[in-house]
PDB file of N, CA and C in Angstrom:
ATOM      1  N   MET A   1      10.922 -70.679  99.755  1.00  0.00           N
ATOM      2  CA  MET A   1      12.158 -71.186 100.292  1.00  0.00           C
ATOM      3  C   MET A   1      11.827 -72.019 101.533  1.00  0.00           C
ATOM      4  N   THR A   2      12.597 -73.069 101.733  1.00  0.00           N
ATOM      5  CA  THR A   2      12.387 -73.916 102.900  1.00  0.00           C
ATOM      6  C   THR A   2      13.112 -73.335 104.105  1.00  0.00           C
ATOM      7  N   ARG A   3      12.844 -73.896 105.264  1.00  0.00           N
ATOM      8  CA  ARG A   3      13.518 -73.424 106.480  1.00  0.00           C
ATOM      9  C   ARG A   3      15.024 -73.639 106.413  1.00  0.00           C
ATOM     10  N   GLY A   4      15.438 -74.637 105.631  1.00  0.00           N
ATOM     11  CA  GLY A   4      16.869 -74.918 105.477  1.00  0.00           C
ATOM     12  C   GLY A   4      17.568 -73.990 104.501  1.00  0.00           C
ATOM     13  N   GLY A   5      16.803 -73.097 103.868  1.00  0.00           N
ATOM     14  CA  GLY A   5      17.396 -72.135 102.955  1.00  0.00           C
ATOM     15  C   GLY A   5      17.420 -72.559 101.505  1.00  0.00           C
ATOM     16  N   GLU A   6      16.901 -73.742 101.218  1.00  0.00           N
ATOM     17  CA  GLU A   6      16.875 -74.224  99.843  1.00  0.00           C
ATOM     18  C   GLU A   6      15.578 -73.796  99.166  1.00  0.00           C
ATOM     19  N   PHE A   7      15.656 -73.572  97.854  1.00  0.00           N
ATOM     20  CA  PHE A   7      14.461 -73.204  97.114  1.00  0.00           C
ATOM     21  C   PHE A   7      13.664 -74.436  96.737  1.00  0.00           C
ATOM     22  N   ILE A   8      12.360 -74.314  96.845  1.00  0.00           N
ATOM     23  CA  ILE A   8      11.455 -75.362  96.404  1.00  0.00           C
ATOM     24  C   ILE A   8      11.469 -75.337  94.881  1.00  0.00           C
ATOM     25  N   PRO A   9      11.472 -76.504  94.221  1.00  0.00           N
ATOM     26  CA  PRO A   9      11.477 -76.515  92.759  1.00  0.00           C
ATOM     27  C   PRO A   9      10.399 -75.589  92.182  1.00  0.00           C
ATOM     28  N   GLY A  10      10.806 -74.739  91.254  1.00  0.00           N
ATOM     29  CA  GLY A  10       9.885 -73.790  90.645  1.00  0.00           C
ATOM     30  C   GLY A  10       9.928 -72.419  91.291  1.00  0.00           C
ATOM     31  N   HIS A  11      10.273 -72.358  92.571  1.00  0.00           N
ATOM     32  CA  HIS A  11      10.307 -71.075  93.266  1.00  0.00           C
ATOM     33  C   HIS A  11      11.547 -70.265  92.901  1.00  0.00           C
ATOM     34  N   ASP A  12      12.605 -70.943  92.436  1.00  0.00           N
ATOM     35  CA  ASP A  12      13.795 -70.211  92.017  1.00  0.00           C
ATOM     36  C   ASP A  12      13.495 -69.341  90.803  1.00  0.00           C
ATOM     37  N   SER A  13      12.536 -69.744  89.988  1.00  0.00           N
ATOM     38  CA  SER A  13      12.166 -68.919  88.834  1.00  0.00           C
ATOM     39  C   SER A  13      11.484 -67.635  89.286  1.00  0.00           C
ATOM     40  N   LYS A  14      10.812 -67.677  90.428  1.00  0.00           N
ATOM     41  CA  LYS A  14      10.199 -66.462  90.972  1.00  0.00           C
ATOM     42  C   LYS A  14      11.284 -65.485  91.423  1.00  0.00           C
ATOM     43  N   LEU A  15      12.333 -66.007  92.040  1.00  0.00           N
ATOM     44  CA  LEU A  15      13.457 -65.169  92.456  1.00  0.00           C
ATOM     45  C   LEU A  15      14.142 -64.567  91.236  1.00  0.00           C
ATOM     46  N   TYR A  16      14.380 -65.393  90.230  1.00  0.00           N
ATOM     47  CA  TYR A  16      14.999 -64.925  88.988  1.00  0.00           C
ATOM     48  C   TYR A  16      14.177 -63.794  88.376  1.00  0.00           C
ATOM     49  N   SER A  17      12.875 -63.962  88.291  1.00  0.00           N
ATOM     50  CA  SER A  17      11.996 -62.929  87.730  1.00  0.00           C
ATOM     51  C   SER A  17      12.055 -61.646  88.545  1.00  0.00           C
ATOM     52  N   ALA A  18      12.091 -61.776  89.869  1.00  0.00           N
ATOM     53  CA  ALA A  18      12.154 -60.597  90.734  1.00  0.00           C
ATOM     54  C   ALA A  18      13.478 -59.850  90.549  1.00  0.00           C
ATOM     55  N   ILE A  19      14.575 -60.595  90.406  1.00  0.00           N
ATOM     56  CA  ILE A  19      15.884 -59.967  90.198  1.00  0.00           C
ATOM     57  C   ILE A  19      15.918 -59.243  88.860  1.00  0.00           C
ATOM     58  N   ILE A  20      15.419 -59.876  87.814  1.00  0.00           N
ATOM     59  CA  ILE A  20      15.384 -59.262  86.482  1.00  0.00           C
ATOM     60  C   ILE A  20      14.571 -57.977  86.522  1.00  0.00           C
ATOM     61  N   LYS A  21      13.431 -58.022  87.188  1.00  0.00           N
ATOM     62  CA  LYS A  21      12.581 -56.831  87.291  1.00  0.00           C
ATOM     63  C   LYS A  21      13.294 -55.731  88.085  1.00  0.00           C
ATOM     64  N   HIS A  22      13.968 -56.116  89.164  1.00  0.00           N
ATOM     65  CA  HIS A  22      14.643 -55.147  90.039  1.00  0.00           C
ATOM     66  C   HIS A  22      15.760 -54.391  89.318  1.00  0.00           C
ATOM     67  N   VAL A  23      16.542 -55.098  88.499  1.00  0.00           N
ATOM     68  CA  VAL A  23      17.677 -54.460  87.828  1.00  0.00           C
ATOM     69  C   VAL A  23      17.300 -53.829  86.492  1.00  0.00           C
ATOM     70  N   GLY A  24      16.070 -54.049  86.045  1.00  0.00           N
ATOM     71  CA  GLY A  24      15.611 -53.395  84.819  1.00  0.00           C
ATOM     72  C   GLY A  24      15.777 -54.199  83.549  1.00  0.00           C
ATOM     73  N   GLY A  25      15.944 -55.497  83.671  1.00  0.00           N
ATOM     74  CA  GLY A  25      16.017 -56.339  82.480  1.00  0.00           C
ATOM     75  C   GLY A  25      17.234 -57.242  82.467  1.00  0.00           C
ATOM     76  N   ILE A  26      17.184 -58.216  81.568  1.00  0.00           N
ATOM     77  CA  ILE A  26      18.251 -59.214  81.489  1.00  0.00           C
ATOM     78  C   ILE A  26      19.575 -58.601  81.032  1.00  0.00           C
ATOM     79  N   THR A  27      19.506 -57.595  80.168  1.00  0.00           N
ATOM     80  CA  THR A  27      20.731 -56.939  79.702  1.00  0.00           C
ATOM     81  C   THR A  27      21.426 -56.221  80.852  1.00  0.00           C
ATOM     82  N   ASN A  28      20.654 -55.563  81.705  1.00  0.00           N
ATOM     83  CA  ASN A  28      21.237 -54.891  82.876  1.00  0.00           C
ATOM     84  C   ASN A  28      21.834 -55.902  83.846  1.00  0.00           C
ATOM     85  N   LEU A  29      21.164 -57.039  84.034  1.00  0.00           N
ATOM     86  CA  LEU A  29      21.696 -58.079  84.917  1.00  0.00           C
ATOM     87  C   LEU A  29      23.020 -58.605  84.369  1.00  0.00           C
ATOM     88  N   ARG A  30      23.065 -58.842  83.071  1.00  0.00           N
ATOM     89  CA  ARG A  30      24.299 -59.322  82.450  1.00  0.00           C
ATOM     90  C   ARG A  30      25.439 -58.331  82.694  1.00  0.00           C
ATOM     91  N   LYS A  31      25.175 -57.045  82.504  1.00  0.00           N
ATOM     92  CA  LYS A  31      26.211 -56.027  82.695  1.00  0.00           C
ATOM     93  C   LYS A  31      26.672 -55.987  84.154  1.00  0.00           C
ATOM     94  N   LEU A  32      25.732 -56.087  85.095  1.00  0.00           N
ATOM     95  CA  LEU A  32      26.099 -56.102  86.515  1.00  0.00           C
ATOM     96  C   LEU A  32      26.987 -57.295  86.849  1.00  0.00           C
ATOM     97  N   VAL A  33      26.648 -58.464  86.316  1.00  0.00           N
ATOM     98  CA  VAL A  33      27.445 -59.667  86.564  1.00  0.00           C
ATOM     99  C   VAL A  33      28.837 -59.501  85.970  1.00  0.00           C
ATOM    100  N   GLU A  34      28.907 -58.984  84.753  1.00  0.00           N
ATOM    101  CA  GLU A  34      30.203 -58.792  84.104  1.00  0.00           C
ATOM    102  C   GLU A  34      31.070 -57.798  84.866  1.00  0.00           C
ATOM    103  N   GLN A  35      30.481 -56.699  85.299  1.00  0.00           N
ATOM    104  CA  GLN A  35      31.244 -55.697  86.044  1.00  0.00           C
ATOM    105  C   GLN A  35      31.657 -56.216  87.413  1.00  0.00           C
ATOM    106  N   SER A  36      30.795 -56.972  88.056  1.00  0.00           N
ATOM    107  CA  SER A  36      31.073 -57.489  89.389  1.00  0.00           C
ATOM    108  C   SER A  36      32.159 -58.562  89.381  1.00  0.00           C
ATOM    109  N   THR A  37      32.135 -59.431  88.375  1.00  0.00           N
ATOM    110  CA  THR A  37      33.079 -60.546  88.326  1.00  0.00           C
ATOM    111  C   THR A  37      34.322 -60.261  87.501  1.00  0.00           C
ATOM    112  N   GLY A  38      34.251 -59.218  86.660  1.00  0.00           N
ATOM    113  CA  GLY A  38      35.372 -58.947  85.767  1.00  0.00           C
ATOM    114  C   GLY A  38      35.465 -59.941  84.633  1.00  0.00           C
ATOM    115  N   LYS A  39      34.387 -60.665  84.409  1.00  0.00           N
ATOM    116  CA  LYS A  39      34.345 -61.669  83.342  1.00  0.00           C
ATOM    117  C   LYS A  39      33.150 -61.402  82.439  1.00  0.00           C
ATOM    118  N   TYR A  40      33.317 -61.695  81.174  1.00  0.00           N
ATOM    119  CA  TYR A  40      32.296 -61.460  80.173  1.00  0.00           C
ATOM    120  C   TYR A  40      31.411 -62.688  80.023  1.00  0.00           C
ATOM    121  N   VAL A  41      30.122 -62.512  80.001  1.00  0.00           N
ATOM    122  CA  VAL A  41      29.191 -63.615  79.809  1.00  0.00           C
ATOM    123  C   VAL A  41      29.061 -63.858  78.312  1.00  0.00           C
ATOM    124  N   VAL A  42      29.526 -65.017  77.867  1.00  0.00           N
ATOM    125  CA  VAL A  42      29.514 -65.367  76.450  1.00  0.00           C
ATOM    126  C   VAL A  42      28.631 -66.584  76.254  1.00  0.00           C
ATOM    127  N   VAL A  43      27.764 -66.529  75.274  1.00  0.00           N
ATOM    128  CA  VAL A  43      26.935 -67.683  74.946  1.00  0.00           C
ATOM    129  C   VAL A  43      27.482 -68.280  73.660  1.00  0.00           C
ATOM    130  N   HIS A  44      28.030 -69.472  73.771  1.00  0.00           N
ATOM    131  CA  HIS A  44      28.527 -70.173  72.594  1.00  0.00           C
ATOM    132  C   HIS A  44      27.418 -71.074  72.076  1.00  0.00           C
ATOM    133  N   GLU A  45      27.037 -70.863  70.841  1.00  0.00           N
ATOM    134  CA  GLU A  45      25.976 -71.667  70.237  1.00  0.00           C
ATOM    135  C   GLU A  45      26.520 -73.062  69.935  1.00  0.00           C
ATOM    136  N   THR A  46      26.132 -74.015  70.756  1.00  0.00           N
ATOM    137  CA  THR A  46      26.501 -75.411  70.538  1.00  0.00           C
ATOM    138  C   THR A  46      25.249 -76.240  70.697  1.00  0.00           C
ATOM    139  N   LEU A  47      25.397 -77.525  70.676  1.00  0.00           N
ATOM    140  CA  LEU A  47      24.241 -78.391  70.859  1.00  0.00           C
ATOM    141  C   LEU A  47      23.594 -78.186  72.217  1.00  0.00           C
ATOM    142  N   SER A  48      24.402 -77.812  73.212  1.00  0.00           N
ATOM    143  CA  SER A  48      23.863 -77.640  74.558  1.00  0.00           C
ATOM    144  C   SER A  48      23.779 -76.180  74.995  1.00  0.00           C
ATOM    145  N   SER A  49      24.128 -75.235  74.140  1.00  0.00           N
ATOM    146  CA  SER A  49      24.106 -73.800  74.469  1.00  0.00           C
ATOM    147  C   SER A  49      24.803 -73.523  75.802  1.00  0.00           C
ATOM    148  N   VAL A  50      26.086 -73.738  75.860  1.00  0.00           N
ATOM    149  CA  VAL A  50      26.875 -73.584  77.078  1.00  0.00           C
ATOM    150  C   VAL A  50      27.194 -72.113  77.330  1.00  0.00           C
ATOM    151  N   TYR A  51      27.075 -71.681  78.581  1.00  0.00           N
ATOM    152  CA  TYR A  51      27.462 -70.333  78.986  1.00  0.00           C
ATOM    153  C   TYR A  51      28.886 -70.392  79.514  1.00  0.00           C
ATOM    154  N   ILE A  52      29.732 -69.532  78.998  1.00  0.00           N
ATOM    155  CA  ILE A  52      31.136 -69.520  79.391  1.00  0.00           C
ATOM    156  C   ILE A  52      31.520 -68.123  79.865  1.00  0.00           C
ATOM    157  N   MET A  53      32.224 -68.040  80.973  1.00  0.00           N
ATOM    158  CA  MET A  53      32.700 -66.759  81.490  1.00  0.00           C
ATOM    159  C   MET A  53      34.149 -66.591  81.050  1.00  0.00           C
ATOM    160  N   GLU A  54      34.441 -65.460  80.433  1.00  0.00           N
ATOM    161  CA  GLU A  54      35.795 -65.174  79.982  1.00  0.00           C
ATOM    162  C   GLU A  54      36.262 -63.849  80.578  1.00  0.00           C
ATOM    163  N   ASP A  55      37.563 -63.697  80.736  1.00  0.00           N
ATOM    164  CA  ASP A  55      38.144 -62.479  81.305  1.00  0.00           C
ATOM    165  C   ASP A  55      37.872 -61.284  80.400  1.00  0.00           C
ATOM    166  N   ILE A  56      37.358 -60.196  80.993  1.00  0.00           N
ATOM    167  CA  ILE A  56      37.079 -58.989  80.208  1.00  0.00           C
ATOM    168  C   ILE A  56      37.757 -57.772  80.815  1.00  0.00           C
ATOM    169  N   SER A  57      38.846 -57.977  81.504  1.00  0.00           N
ATOM    170  CA  SER A  57      39.485 -56.852  82.181  1.00  0.00           C
ATOM    171  C   SER A  57      39.821 -55.715  81.219  1.00  0.00           C
ATOM    172  N   THR A  58      40.003 -56.013  79.949  1.00  0.00           N
ATOM    173  CA  THR A  58      40.310 -54.956  78.986  1.00  0.00           C
ATOM    174  C   THR A  58      39.061 -54.419  78.299  1.00  0.00           C
ATOM    175  N   ILE A  59      37.916 -55.054  78.497  1.00  0.00           N
ATOM    176  CA  ILE A  59      36.685 -54.617  77.831  1.00  0.00           C
ATOM    177  C   ILE A  59      35.948 -53.573  78.654  1.00  0.00           C
ATOM    178  N   TRP A  60      35.676 -53.859  79.948  1.00  0.00           N
ATOM    179  CA  TRP A  60      34.929 -52.925  80.798  1.00  0.00           C
ATOM    180  C   TRP A  60      35.893 -51.979  81.489  1.00  0.00           C
ATOM    181  N   LYS A  61      35.848 -50.748  81.134  1.00  0.00           N
ATOM    182  CA  LYS A  61      36.682 -49.727  81.776  1.00  0.00           C
ATOM    183  C   LYS A  61      35.759 -48.636  82.289  1.00  0.00           C
ATOM    184  N   ASN A  62      35.729 -48.434  83.610  1.00  0.00           N
ATOM    185  CA  ASN A  62      34.872 -47.401  84.217  1.00  0.00           C
ATOM    186  C   ASN A  62      35.702 -46.297  84.798  1.00  0.00           C
TER     187      ASN A  62
END
């Protein structure tokens, strides 16, 4: 990271890897994001593989 707080190209992947390792995998990260935001992470298979967040207030009940 630079002094200005921006990531140097390529270094953001190191942060991503560290976060994935910390939470125990990509599936756990997805669940944390969904629970934190109240939105479901949906991958729509298109030419560009767009990630879309949709409301899941009725899906996650704790």
